[in-house]
Amino acid sequence: VAGVGSARRQFSGPAKVFGGEDEAIAALGDGEIEPGHVIVLR
């Protein structure tokens, strides 16, 4: 929480699920990750 900074303390949003960070970084570069998303890396 010391590193949360200006991020919201209460956050609720739709999940976007990835099985690894490479595909998540690719989605970021393609503009598929938008404000309000909760990114699940599992």
Full PDB file with SEQRES, HELIX, SHEET, SSBOND, CRYST1, ORIGX, SCALE, CONECT and MASTER records, all heavy atoms in Angstrom:
SEQRES   1 A   42  VAL ALA GLY VAL GLY SER ALA ARG ARG GLN PHE SER GLY          
SEQRES   2 A   42  PRO ALA LYS VAL PHE GLY GLY GLU ASP GLU ALA ILE ALA          
SEQRES   3 A   42  ALA LEU GLY ASP GLY GLU ILE GLU PRO GLY HIS VAL ILE          
SEQRES   4 A   42  VAL LEU ARG                                                  
HELIX    1 AA1 GLU A   21  GLY A   29  1                                   9    
SHEET    1 AA1 2 ALA A  15  PHE A  18  0                                        
SHEET    2 AA1 2 VAL A  38  LEU A  41  1                                        
CRYST1    1.000    1.000    1.000  90.00  90.00  90.00 P 1           1          
ORIGX1      1.000000  0.000000  0.000000        0.00000                         
ORIGX2      0.000000  1.000000  0.000000        0.00000                         
ORIGX3      0.000000  0.000000  1.000000        0.00000                         
SCALE1      1.000000  0.000000  0.000000        0.00000                         
SCALE2      0.000000  1.000000  0.000000        0.00000                         
SCALE3      0.000000  0.000000  1.000000        0.00000                         
ATOM      1  N   VAL A   1       0.832  -1.206   0.000  1.00  0.00           N  
ATOM      2  CA  VAL A   1       0.000   0.000   0.000  1.00  0.00           C  
ATOM      3  C   VAL A   1       0.864   1.252   0.000  1.00  0.00           C  
ATOM      4  O   VAL A   1       0.438   2.316  -0.480  1.00  0.00           O  
ATOM      5  CB  VAL A   1      -0.981  -0.031   1.190  1.00  0.00           C  
ATOM      6  CG1 VAL A   1      -0.259   0.177   2.515  1.00  0.00           C  
ATOM      7  CG2 VAL A   1      -2.070   1.014   1.031  1.00  0.00           C  
ATOM      8  N   ALA A   2       2.110   1.136   0.473  1.00  0.00           N  
ATOM      9  CA  ALA A   2       3.025   2.281   0.432  1.00  0.00           C  
ATOM     10  C   ALA A   2       3.324   2.695  -0.994  1.00  0.00           C  
ATOM     11  O   ALA A   2       3.714   3.840  -1.244  1.00  0.00           O  
ATOM     12  CB  ALA A   2       4.326   1.935   1.151  1.00  0.00           C  
ATOM     13  N   GLY A   3       3.152   1.773  -1.946  1.00  0.00           N  
ATOM     14  CA  GLY A   3       3.435   2.081  -3.338  1.00  0.00           C  
ATOM     15  C   GLY A   3       2.195   2.304  -4.177  1.00  0.00           C  
ATOM     16  O   GLY A   3       2.290   2.427  -5.400  1.00  0.00           O  
ATOM     17  N   VAL A   4       1.023   2.368  -3.538  1.00  0.00           N  
ATOM     18  CA  VAL A   4      -0.217   2.548  -4.294  1.00  0.00           C  
ATOM     19  C   VAL A   4      -0.311   3.969  -4.844  1.00  0.00           C  
ATOM     20  O   VAL A   4      -0.794   4.201  -5.941  1.00  0.00           O  
ATOM     21  CB  VAL A   4      -1.437   2.212  -3.415  1.00  0.00           C  
ATOM     22  CG1 VAL A   4      -2.729   2.677  -4.068  1.00  0.00           C  
ATOM     23  CG2 VAL A   4      -1.497   0.708  -3.166  1.00  0.00           C  
ATOM     24  N   GLY A   5       0.166   4.933  -4.093  1.00  0.00           N  
ATOM     25  CA  GLY A   5       0.205   6.312  -4.566  1.00  0.00           C  
ATOM     26  C   GLY A   5      -1.174   6.849  -4.877  1.00  0.00           C  
ATOM     27  O   GLY A   5      -2.094   6.778  -4.047  1.00  0.00           O  
ATOM     28  N   SER A   6      -1.340   7.368  -6.092  1.00  0.00           N  
ATOM     29  CA  SER A   6      -2.592   8.032  -6.466  1.00  0.00           C  
ATOM     30  C   SER A   6      -3.666   7.054  -6.939  1.00  0.00           C  
ATOM     31  O   SER A   6      -4.774   7.475  -7.276  1.00  0.00           O  
ATOM     32  CB  SER A   6      -2.322   9.064  -7.571  1.00  0.00           C  
ATOM     33  OG  SER A   6      -1.791   8.428  -8.723  1.00  0.00           O  
ATOM     34  N   ALA A   7      -3.340   5.774  -6.979  1.00  0.00           N  
ATOM     35  CA  ALA A   7      -4.336   4.784  -7.414  1.00  0.00           C  
ATOM     36  C   ALA A   7      -5.495   4.747  -6.419  1.00  0.00           C  
ATOM     37  O   ALA A   7      -5.354   5.059  -5.239  1.00  0.00           O  
ATOM     38  CB  ALA A   7      -3.704   3.410  -7.535  1.00  0.00           C  
ATOM     39  N   ARG A   8      -6.651   4.334  -6.911  1.00  0.00           N  
ATOM     40  CA  ARG A   8      -7.842   4.286  -6.061  1.00  0.00           C  
ATOM     41  C   ARG A   8      -7.707   3.221  -4.980  1.00  0.00           C  
ATOM     42  O   ARG A   8      -7.196   2.137  -5.236  1.00  0.00           O  
ATOM     43  CB  ARG A   8      -9.065   3.986  -6.920  1.00  0.00           C  
ATOM     44  CG  ARG A   8      -9.509   5.163  -7.781  1.00  0.00           C  
ATOM     45  CD  ARG A   8     -10.693   4.764  -8.645  1.00  0.00           C  
ATOM     46  NE  ARG A   8     -10.259   4.054  -9.842  1.00  0.00           N  
ATOM     47  CZ  ARG A   8     -11.088   3.428 -10.664  1.00  0.00           C  
ATOM     48  NH1 ARG A   8     -12.378   3.368 -10.382  1.00  0.00           N  
ATOM     49  NH2 ARG A   8     -10.640   2.828 -11.740  1.00  0.00           N  
ATOM     50  N   ARG A   9      -8.194   3.511  -3.798  1.00  0.00           N  
ATOM     51  CA  ARG A   9      -8.174   2.541  -2.692  1.00  0.00           C  
ATOM     52  C   ARG A   9      -9.338   1.561  -2.802  1.00  0.00           C  
ATOM     53  O   ARG A   9      -9.265   0.466  -2.259  1.00  0.00           O  
ATOM     54  CB  ARG A   9      -8.197   3.263  -1.351  1.00  0.00           C  
ATOM     55  CG  ARG A   9      -6.940   4.088  -1.081  1.00  0.00           C  
ATOM     56  CD  ARG A   9      -7.012   4.753   0.276  1.00  0.00           C  
ATOM     57  NE  ARG A   9      -7.029   3.785   1.350  1.00  0.00           N  
ATOM     58  CZ  ARG A   9      -5.941   3.251   1.924  1.00  0.00           C  
ATOM     59  NH1 ARG A   9      -4.738   3.610   1.497  1.00  0.00           N  
ATOM     60  NH2 ARG A   9      -6.050   2.382   2.907  1.00  0.00           N  
ATOM     61  N   GLN A  10     -10.391   1.957  -3.451  1.00  0.00           N  
ATOM     62  CA  GLN A  10     -11.485   1.035  -3.779  1.00  0.00           C  
ATOM     63  C   GLN A  10     -11.545   0.943  -5.296  1.00  0.00           C  
ATOM     64  O   GLN A  10     -11.615   1.956  -5.995  1.00  0.00           O  
ATOM     65  CB  GLN A  10     -12.836   1.529  -3.245  1.00  0.00           C  
ATOM     66  CG  GLN A  10     -13.006   1.402  -1.740  1.00  0.00           C  
ATOM     67  CD  GLN A  10     -12.324   2.518  -0.972  1.00  0.00           C  
ATOM     68  OE1 GLN A  10     -12.248   3.647  -1.446  1.00  0.00           O  
ATOM     69  NE2 GLN A  10     -11.826   2.212   0.222  1.00  0.00           N  
ATOM     70  N   PHE A  11     -11.495  -0.268  -5.790  1.00  0.00           N  
ATOM     71  CA  PHE A  11     -11.425  -0.467  -7.241  1.00  0.00           C  
ATOM     72  C   PHE A  11     -12.286  -1.664  -7.588  1.00  0.00           C  
ATOM     73  O   PHE A  11     -12.137  -2.735  -6.996  1.00  0.00           O  
ATOM     74  CB  PHE A  11      -9.975  -0.723  -7.661  1.00  0.00           C  
ATOM     75  CG  PHE A  11      -9.705  -0.557  -9.128  1.00  0.00           C  
ATOM     76  CD1 PHE A  11      -9.010   0.545  -9.597  1.00  0.00           C  
ATOM     77  CD2 PHE A  11     -10.139  -1.512 -10.050  1.00  0.00           C  
ATOM     78  CE1 PHE A  11      -8.741   0.708 -10.949  1.00  0.00           C  
ATOM     79  CE2 PHE A  11      -9.890  -1.352 -11.403  1.00  0.00           C  
ATOM     80  CZ  PHE A  11      -9.180  -0.237 -11.856  1.00  0.00           C  
ATOM     81  N   SER A  12     -13.159  -1.481  -8.535  1.00  0.00           N  
ATOM     82  CA  SER A  12     -14.000  -2.583  -8.996  1.00  0.00           C  
ATOM     83  C   SER A  12     -14.105  -2.487 -10.511  1.00  0.00           C  
ATOM     84  O   SER A  12     -14.370  -1.414 -11.063  1.00  0.00           O  
ATOM     85  CB  SER A  12     -15.396  -2.493  -8.370  1.00  0.00           C  
ATOM     86  OG  SER A  12     -16.192  -3.595  -8.752  1.00  0.00           O  
ATOM     87  N   GLY A  13     -13.848  -3.613 -11.182  1.00  0.00           N  
ATOM     88  CA  GLY A  13     -13.900  -3.584 -12.635  1.00  0.00           C  
ATOM     89  C   GLY A  13     -13.892  -4.969 -13.232  1.00  0.00           C  
ATOM     90  O   GLY A  13     -13.692  -5.971 -12.534  1.00  0.00           O  
ATOM     91  N   PRO A  14     -14.097  -5.031 -14.544  1.00  0.00           N  
ATOM     92  CA  PRO A  14     -14.128  -6.324 -15.230  1.00  0.00           C  
ATOM     93  C   PRO A  14     -12.728  -6.918 -15.359  1.00  0.00           C  
ATOM     94  O   PRO A  14     -11.749  -6.202 -15.623  1.00  0.00           O  
ATOM     95  CB  PRO A  14     -14.695  -5.983 -16.608  1.00  0.00           C  
ATOM     96  CG  PRO A  14     -14.314  -4.546 -16.821  1.00  0.00           C  
ATOM     97  CD  PRO A  14     -14.364  -3.910 -15.470  1.00  0.00           C  
ATOM     98  N   ALA A  15     -12.653  -8.212 -15.179  1.00  0.00           N  
ATOM     99  CA  ALA A  15     -11.369  -8.912 -15.265  1.00  0.00           C  
ATOM    100  C   ALA A  15     -10.980  -9.147 -16.722  1.00  0.00           C  
ATOM    101  O   ALA A  15     -11.829  -9.425 -17.574  1.00  0.00           O  
ATOM    102  CB  ALA A  15     -11.457 -10.253 -14.539  1.00  0.00           C  
ATOM    103  N   LYS A  16      -9.685  -9.016 -16.981  1.00  0.00           N  
ATOM    104  CA  LYS A  16      -9.090  -9.514 -18.223  1.00  0.00           C  
ATOM    105  C   LYS A  16      -8.011 -10.497 -17.783  1.00  0.00           C  
ATOM    106  O   LYS A  16      -7.073 -10.130 -17.071  1.00  0.00           O  
ATOM    107  CB  LYS A  16      -8.497  -8.376 -19.058  1.00  0.00           C  
ATOM    108  CG  LYS A  16      -9.555  -7.564 -19.793  1.00  0.00           C  
ATOM    109  CD  LYS A  16      -8.938  -6.577 -20.768  1.00  0.00           C  
ATOM    110  CE  LYS A  16      -8.314  -7.253 -21.977  1.00  0.00           C  
ATOM    111  NZ  LYS A  16      -9.323  -7.815 -22.894  1.00  0.00           N  
ATOM    112  N   VAL A  17      -8.173 -11.755 -18.182  1.00  0.00           N  
ATOM    113  CA  VAL A  17      -7.369 -12.848 -17.649  1.00  0.00           C  
ATOM    114  C   VAL A  17      -6.281 -13.234 -18.645  1.00  0.00           C  
ATOM    115  O   VAL A  17      -6.550 -13.437 -19.840  1.00  0.00           O  
ATOM    116  CB  VAL A  17      -8.249 -14.070 -17.328  1.00  0.00           C  
ATOM    117  CG1 VAL A  17      -7.407 -15.189 -16.719  1.00  0.00           C  
ATOM    118  CG2 VAL A  17      -9.375 -13.670 -16.371  1.00  0.00           C  
ATOM    119  N   PHE A  18      -5.047 -13.351 -18.130  1.00  0.00           N  
ATOM    120  CA  PHE A  18      -3.908 -13.758 -18.954  1.00  0.00           C  
ATOM    121  C   PHE A  18      -3.142 -14.864 -18.230  1.00  0.00           C  
ATOM    122  O   PHE A  18      -3.077 -14.888 -16.998  1.00  0.00           O  
ATOM    123  CB  PHE A  18      -2.973 -12.585 -19.214  1.00  0.00           C  
ATOM    124  CG  PHE A  18      -3.605 -11.445 -19.973  1.00  0.00           C  
ATOM    125  CD1 PHE A  18      -4.149 -10.364 -19.297  1.00  0.00           C  
ATOM    126  CD2 PHE A  18      -3.663 -11.472 -21.353  1.00  0.00           C  
ATOM    127  CE1 PHE A  18      -4.729  -9.313 -19.990  1.00  0.00           C  
ATOM    128  CE2 PHE A  18      -4.236 -10.417 -22.069  1.00  0.00           C  
ATOM    129  CZ  PHE A  18      -4.777  -9.341 -21.376  1.00  0.00           C  
ATOM    130  N   GLY A  19      -2.552 -15.742 -19.030  1.00  0.00           N  
ATOM    131  CA  GLY A  19      -1.750 -16.827 -18.469  1.00  0.00           C  
ATOM    132  C   GLY A  19      -0.273 -16.516 -18.428  1.00  0.00           C  
ATOM    133  O   GLY A  19       0.533 -17.378 -18.088  1.00  0.00           O  
ATOM    134  N   GLY A  20       0.106 -15.275 -18.744  1.00  0.00           N  
ATOM    135  CA  GLY A  20       1.501 -14.878 -18.702  1.00  0.00           C  
ATOM    136  C   GLY A  20       1.640 -13.411 -19.035  1.00  0.00           C  
ATOM    137  O   GLY A  20       0.749 -12.805 -19.651  1.00  0.00           O  
ATOM    138  N   GLU A  21       2.771 -12.818 -18.657  1.00  0.00           N  
ATOM    139  CA  GLU A  21       2.917 -11.380 -18.838  1.00  0.00           C  
ATOM    140  C   GLU A  21       3.196 -11.004 -20.290  1.00  0.00           C  
ATOM    141  O   GLU A  21       2.904  -9.875 -20.705  1.00  0.00           O  
ATOM    142  CB  GLU A  21       3.985 -10.814 -17.914  1.00  0.00           C  
ATOM    143  CG  GLU A  21       5.394 -11.249 -18.197  1.00  0.00           C  
ATOM    144  CD  GLU A  21       6.406 -10.467 -17.363  1.00  0.00           C  
ATOM    145  OE1 GLU A  21       6.000  -9.683 -16.491  1.00  0.00           O  
ATOM    146  OE2 GLU A  21       7.613 -10.653 -17.596  1.00  0.00           O  
ATOM    147  N   ASP A  22       3.760 -11.899 -21.089  1.00  0.00           N  
ATOM    148  CA  ASP A  22       4.045 -11.555 -22.482  1.00  0.00           C  
ATOM    149  C   ASP A  22       2.763 -11.218 -23.234  1.00  0.00           C  
ATOM    150  O   ASP A  22       2.695 -10.227 -23.980  1.00  0.00           O  
ATOM    151  CB  ASP A  22       4.776 -12.703 -23.190  1.00  0.00           C  
ATOM    152  CG  ASP A  22       6.234 -12.811 -22.772  1.00  0.00           C  
ATOM    153  OD1 ASP A  22       6.706 -11.905 -22.050  1.00  0.00           O  
ATOM    154  OD2 ASP A  22       6.890 -13.800 -23.145  1.00  0.00           O  
ATOM    155  N   GLU A  23       1.746 -12.051 -23.059  1.00  0.00           N  
ATOM    156  CA  GLU A  23       0.496 -11.775 -23.759  1.00  0.00           C  
ATOM    157  C   GLU A  23      -0.182 -10.534 -23.198  1.00  0.00           C  
ATOM    158  O   GLU A  23      -0.833  -9.779 -23.923  1.00  0.00           O  
ATOM    159  CB  GLU A  23      -0.440 -12.983 -23.715  1.00  0.00           C  
ATOM    160  CG  GLU A  23      -0.815 -13.465 -22.328  1.00  0.00           C  
ATOM    161  CD  GLU A  23      -1.629 -14.756 -22.355  1.00  0.00           C  
ATOM    162  OE1 GLU A  23      -2.854 -14.671 -22.544  1.00  0.00           O  
ATOM    163  OE2 GLU A  23      -1.030 -15.834 -22.185  1.00  0.00           O  
ATOM    164  N   ALA A  24       0.004 -10.281 -21.888  1.00  0.00           N  
ATOM    165  CA  ALA A  24      -0.567  -9.066 -21.294  1.00  0.00           C  
ATOM    166  C   ALA A  24       0.146  -7.822 -21.819  1.00  0.00           C  
ATOM    167  O   ALA A  24      -0.494  -6.799 -22.100  1.00  0.00           O  
ATOM    168  CB  ALA A  24      -0.475  -9.138 -19.775  1.00  0.00           C  
ATOM    169  N   ILE A  25       1.474  -7.879 -21.952  1.00  0.00           N  
ATOM    170  CA  ILE A  25       2.230  -6.738 -22.495  1.00  0.00           C  
ATOM    171  C   ILE A  25       1.851  -6.504 -23.951  1.00  0.00           C  
ATOM    172  O   ILE A  25       1.720  -5.353 -24.401  1.00  0.00           O  
ATOM    173  CB  ILE A  25       3.747  -6.975 -22.327  1.00  0.00           C  
ATOM    174  CG1 ILE A  25       4.132  -6.901 -20.843  1.00  0.00           C  
ATOM    175  CG2 ILE A  25       4.551  -5.952 -23.127  1.00  0.00           C  
ATOM    176  CD1 ILE A  25       5.578  -7.280 -20.547  1.00  0.00           C  
ATOM    177  N   ALA A  26       1.642  -7.585 -24.701  1.00  0.00           N  
ATOM    178  CA  ALA A  26       1.204  -7.437 -26.094  1.00  0.00           C  
ATOM    179  C   ALA A  26      -0.163  -6.768 -26.157  1.00  0.00           C  
ATOM    180  O   ALA A  26      -0.402  -5.887 -27.008  1.00  0.00           O  
ATOM    181  CB  ALA A  26       1.169  -8.803 -26.774  1.00  0.00           C  
ATOM    182  N   ALA A  27      -1.062  -7.164 -25.263  1.00  0.00           N  
ATOM    183  CA  ALA A  27      -2.396  -6.554 -25.223  1.00  0.00           C  
ATOM    184  C   ALA A  27      -2.305  -5.072 -24.857  1.00  0.00           C  
ATOM    185  O   ALA A  27      -3.062  -4.244 -25.380  1.00  0.00           O  
ATOM    186  CB  ALA A  27      -3.282  -7.300 -24.222  1.00  0.00           C  
ATOM    187  N   LEU A  28      -1.357  -4.748 -23.974  1.00  0.00           N  
ATOM    188  CA  LEU A  28      -1.139  -3.351 -23.603  1.00  0.00           C  
ATOM    189  C   LEU A  28      -0.700  -2.550 -24.826  1.00  0.00           C  
ATOM    190  O   LEU A  28      -1.211  -1.451 -25.085  1.00  0.00           O  
ATOM    191  CB  LEU A  28      -0.072  -3.282 -22.495  1.00  0.00           C  
ATOM    192  CG  LEU A  28       0.340  -1.893 -22.000  1.00  0.00           C  
ATOM    193  CD1 LEU A  28      -0.823  -1.211 -21.291  1.00  0.00           C  
ATOM    194  CD2 LEU A  28       1.538  -2.015 -21.046  1.00  0.00           C  
ATOM    195  N   GLY A  29       0.249  -3.103 -25.581  1.00  0.00           N  
ATOM    196  CA  GLY A  29       0.730  -2.417 -26.777  1.00  0.00           C  
ATOM    197  C   GLY A  29      -0.343  -2.266 -27.844  1.00  0.00           C  
ATOM    198  O   GLY A  29      -0.341  -1.298 -28.612  1.00  0.00           O  
ATOM    199  N   ASP A  30      -1.297  -3.211 -27.881  1.00  0.00           N  
ATOM    200  CA  ASP A  30      -2.375  -3.168 -28.874  1.00  0.00           C  
ATOM    201  C   ASP A  30      -3.568  -2.327 -28.428  1.00  0.00           C  
ATOM    202  O   ASP A  30      -4.582  -2.253 -29.135  1.00  0.00           O  
ATOM    203  CB  ASP A  30      -2.861  -4.591 -29.184  1.00  0.00           C  
ATOM    204  CG  ASP A  30      -1.814  -5.411 -29.931  1.00  0.00           C  
ATOM    205  OD1 ASP A  30      -0.893  -4.805 -30.517  1.00  0.00           O  
ATOM    206  OD2 ASP A  30      -1.898  -6.661 -29.899  1.00  0.00           O  
ATOM    207  N   GLY A  31      -3.468  -1.727 -27.232  1.00  0.00           N  
ATOM    208  CA  GLY A  31      -4.547  -0.877 -26.741  1.00  0.00           C  
ATOM    209  C   GLY A  31      -5.745  -1.623 -26.196  1.00  0.00           C  
ATOM    210  O   GLY A  31      -6.830  -1.044 -26.040  1.00  0.00           O  
ATOM    211  N   GLU A  32      -5.560  -2.929 -25.878  1.00  0.00           N  
ATOM    212  CA  GLU A  32      -6.689  -3.727 -25.397  1.00  0.00           C  
ATOM    213  C   GLU A  32      -6.911  -3.597 -23.896  1.00  0.00           C  
ATOM    214  O   GLU A  32      -7.919  -4.067 -23.371  1.00  0.00           O  
ATOM    215  CB  GLU A  32      -6.449  -5.203 -25.744  1.00  0.00           C  
ATOM    216  CG  GLU A  32      -6.389  -5.473 -27.241  1.00  0.00           C  
ATOM    217  CD  GLU A  32      -6.008  -6.910 -27.548  1.00  0.00           C  
ATOM    218  OE1 GLU A  32      -6.033  -7.747 -26.620  1.00  0.00           O  
ATOM    219  OE2 GLU A  32      -5.655  -7.194 -28.717  1.00  0.00           O  
ATOM    220  N   ILE A  33      -5.959  -2.994 -23.199  1.00  0.00           N  
ATOM    221  CA  ILE A  33      -6.097  -2.781 -21.761  1.00  0.00           C  
ATOM    222  C   ILE A  33      -6.469  -1.324 -21.539  1.00  0.00           C  
ATOM    223  O   ILE A  33      -5.755  -0.410 -21.975  1.00  0.00           O  
ATOM    224  CB  ILE A  33      -4.799  -3.156 -21.028  1.00  0.00           C  
ATOM    225  CG1 ILE A  33      -4.569  -4.666 -21.144  1.00  0.00           C  
ATOM    226  CG2 ILE A  33      -4.843  -2.722 -19.571  1.00  0.00           C  
ATOM    227  CD1 ILE A  33      -3.256  -5.145 -20.559  1.00  0.00           C  
ATOM    228  N   GLU A  34      -7.598  -1.117 -20.878  1.00  0.00           N  
ATOM    229  CA  GLU A  34      -8.156   0.224 -20.732  1.00  0.00           C  
ATOM    230  C   GLU A  34      -8.336   0.572 -19.258  1.00  0.00           C  
ATOM    231  O   GLU A  34      -8.399  -0.323 -18.397  1.00  0.00           O  
ATOM    232  CB  GLU A  34      -9.510   0.295 -21.441  1.00  0.00           C  
ATOM    233  CG  GLU A  34      -9.454  -0.026 -22.921  1.00  0.00           C  
ATOM    234  CD  GLU A  34     -10.833  -0.078 -23.556  1.00  0.00           C  
ATOM    235  OE1 GLU A  34     -11.832   0.013 -22.789  1.00  0.00           O  
ATOM    236  OE2 GLU A  34     -10.917  -0.209 -24.791  1.00  0.00           O  
ATOM    237  N   PRO A  35      -8.425   1.858 -18.946  1.00  0.00           N  
ATOM    238  CA  PRO A  35      -8.711   2.261 -17.566  1.00  0.00           C  
ATOM    239  C   PRO A  35      -9.956   1.556 -17.029  1.00  0.00           C  
ATOM    240  O   PRO A  35     -10.959   1.420 -17.742  1.00  0.00           O  
ATOM    241  CB  PRO A  35      -8.937   3.781 -17.687  1.00  0.00           C  
ATOM    242  CG  PRO A  35      -8.110   4.186 -18.870  1.00  0.00           C  
ATOM    243  CD  PRO A  35      -8.228   3.028 -19.837  1.00  0.00           C  
ATOM    244  N   GLY A  36      -9.876   1.090 -15.808  1.00  0.00           N  
ATOM    245  CA  GLY A  36     -11.002   0.384 -15.187  1.00  0.00           C  
ATOM    246  C   GLY A  36     -10.879  -1.116 -15.212  1.00  0.00           C  
ATOM    247  O   GLY A  36     -11.601  -1.816 -14.482  1.00  0.00           O  
ATOM    248  N   HIS A  37      -9.964  -1.666 -16.032  1.00  0.00           N  
ATOM    249  CA  HIS A  37      -9.781  -3.116 -16.081  1.00  0.00           C  
ATOM    250  C   HIS A  37      -9.037  -3.621 -14.848  1.00  0.00           C  
ATOM    251  O   HIS A  37      -8.201  -2.913 -14.270  1.00  0.00           O  
ATOM    252  CB  HIS A  37      -8.976  -3.530 -17.317  1.00  0.00           C  
ATOM    253  CG  HIS A  37      -9.786  -3.572 -18.573  1.00  0.00           C  
ATOM    254  ND1 HIS A  37      -9.272  -3.270 -19.826  1.00  0.00           N  
ATOM    255  CD2 HIS A  37     -11.095  -3.891 -18.790  1.00  0.00           C  
ATOM    256  CE1 HIS A  37     -10.225  -3.407 -20.737  1.00  0.00           C  
ATOM    257  NE2 HIS A  37     -11.323  -3.781 -20.137  1.00  0.00           N  
ATOM    258  N   VAL A  38      -9.342  -4.847 -14.461  1.00  0.00           N  
ATOM    259  CA  VAL A  38      -8.557  -5.578 -13.463  1.00  0.00           C  
ATOM    260  C   VAL A  38      -7.851  -6.706 -14.210  1.00  0.00           C  
ATOM    261  O   VAL A  38      -8.494  -7.635 -14.708  1.00  0.00           O  
ATOM    262  CB  VAL A  38      -9.432  -6.152 -12.331  1.00  0.00           C  
ATOM    263  CG1 VAL A  38      -8.564  -6.945 -11.357  1.00  0.00           C  
ATOM    264  CG2 VAL A  38     -10.174  -5.039 -11.607  1.00  0.00           C  
ATOM    265  N   ILE A  39      -6.534  -6.598 -14.300  1.00  0.00           N  
ATOM    266  CA  ILE A  39      -5.755  -7.586 -15.038  1.00  0.00           C  
ATOM    267  C   ILE A  39      -5.402  -8.741 -14.107  1.00  0.00           C  
ATOM    268  O   ILE A  39      -4.795  -8.528 -13.048  1.00  0.00           O  
ATOM    269  CB  ILE A  39      -4.474  -6.959 -15.606  1.00  0.00           C  
ATOM    270  CG1 ILE A  39      -4.807  -5.706 -16.415  1.00  0.00           C  
ATOM    271  CG2 ILE A  39      -3.712  -7.974 -16.444  1.00  0.00           C  
ATOM    272  CD1 ILE A  39      -5.798  -5.919 -17.535  1.00  0.00           C  
ATOM    273  N   VAL A  40      -5.801  -9.940 -14.488  1.00  0.00           N  
ATOM    274  CA  VAL A  40      -5.534 -11.145 -13.703  1.00  0.00           C  
ATOM    275  C   VAL A  40      -4.451 -11.952 -14.409  1.00  0.00           C  
ATOM    276  O   VAL A  40      -4.648 -12.408 -15.536  1.00  0.00           O  
ATOM    277  CB  VAL A  40      -6.811 -11.985 -13.513  1.00  0.00           C  
ATOM    278  CG1 VAL A  40      -6.485 -13.290 -12.779  1.00  0.00           C  
ATOM    279  CG2 VAL A  40      -7.864 -11.190 -12.740  1.00  0.00           C  
ATOM    280  N   LEU A  41      -3.306 -12.102 -13.756  1.00  0.00           N  
ATOM    281  CA  LEU A  41      -2.200 -12.930 -14.257  1.00  0.00           C  
ATOM    282  C   LEU A  41      -2.106 -14.135 -13.330  1.00  0.00           C  
ATOM    283  O   LEU A  41      -1.774 -13.990 -12.157  1.00  0.00           O  
ATOM    284  CB  LEU A  41      -0.891 -12.146 -14.251  1.00  0.00           C  
ATOM    285  CG  LEU A  41      -0.857 -10.874 -15.108  1.00  0.00           C  
ATOM    286  CD1 LEU A  41       0.408 -10.095 -14.844  1.00  0.00           C  
ATOM    287  CD2 LEU A  41      -0.963 -11.227 -16.574  1.00  0.00           C  
ATOM    288  N   ARG A  42      -2.389 -15.322 -13.851  1.00  0.00           N  
ATOM    289  CA  ARG A  42      -2.538 -16.475 -12.956  1.00  0.00           C  
ATOM    290  C   ARG A  42      -1.852 -17.717 -13.498  1.00  0.00           C  
ATOM    291  O   ARG A  42      -1.396 -17.755 -14.634  1.00  0.00           O  
ATOM    292  CB  ARG A  42      -4.016 -16.760 -12.732  1.00  0.00           C  
ATOM    293  CG  ARG A  42      -4.696 -17.295 -13.983  1.00  0.00           C  
ATOM    294  CD  ARG A  42      -6.141 -17.610 -13.751  1.00  0.00           C  
ATOM    295  NE  ARG A  42      -6.751 -18.168 -14.962  1.00  0.00           N  
ATOM    296  CZ  ARG A  42      -8.054 -18.254 -15.168  1.00  0.00           C  
ATOM    297  NH1 ARG A  42      -8.896 -17.809 -14.256  1.00  0.00           N  
ATOM    298  NH2 ARG A  42      -8.521 -18.786 -16.285  1.00  0.00           N  
TER     299      ARG A  42                                                      
MASTER        0    0    0    1    2    0    0    6  298    1    0    4          
END                                                                             
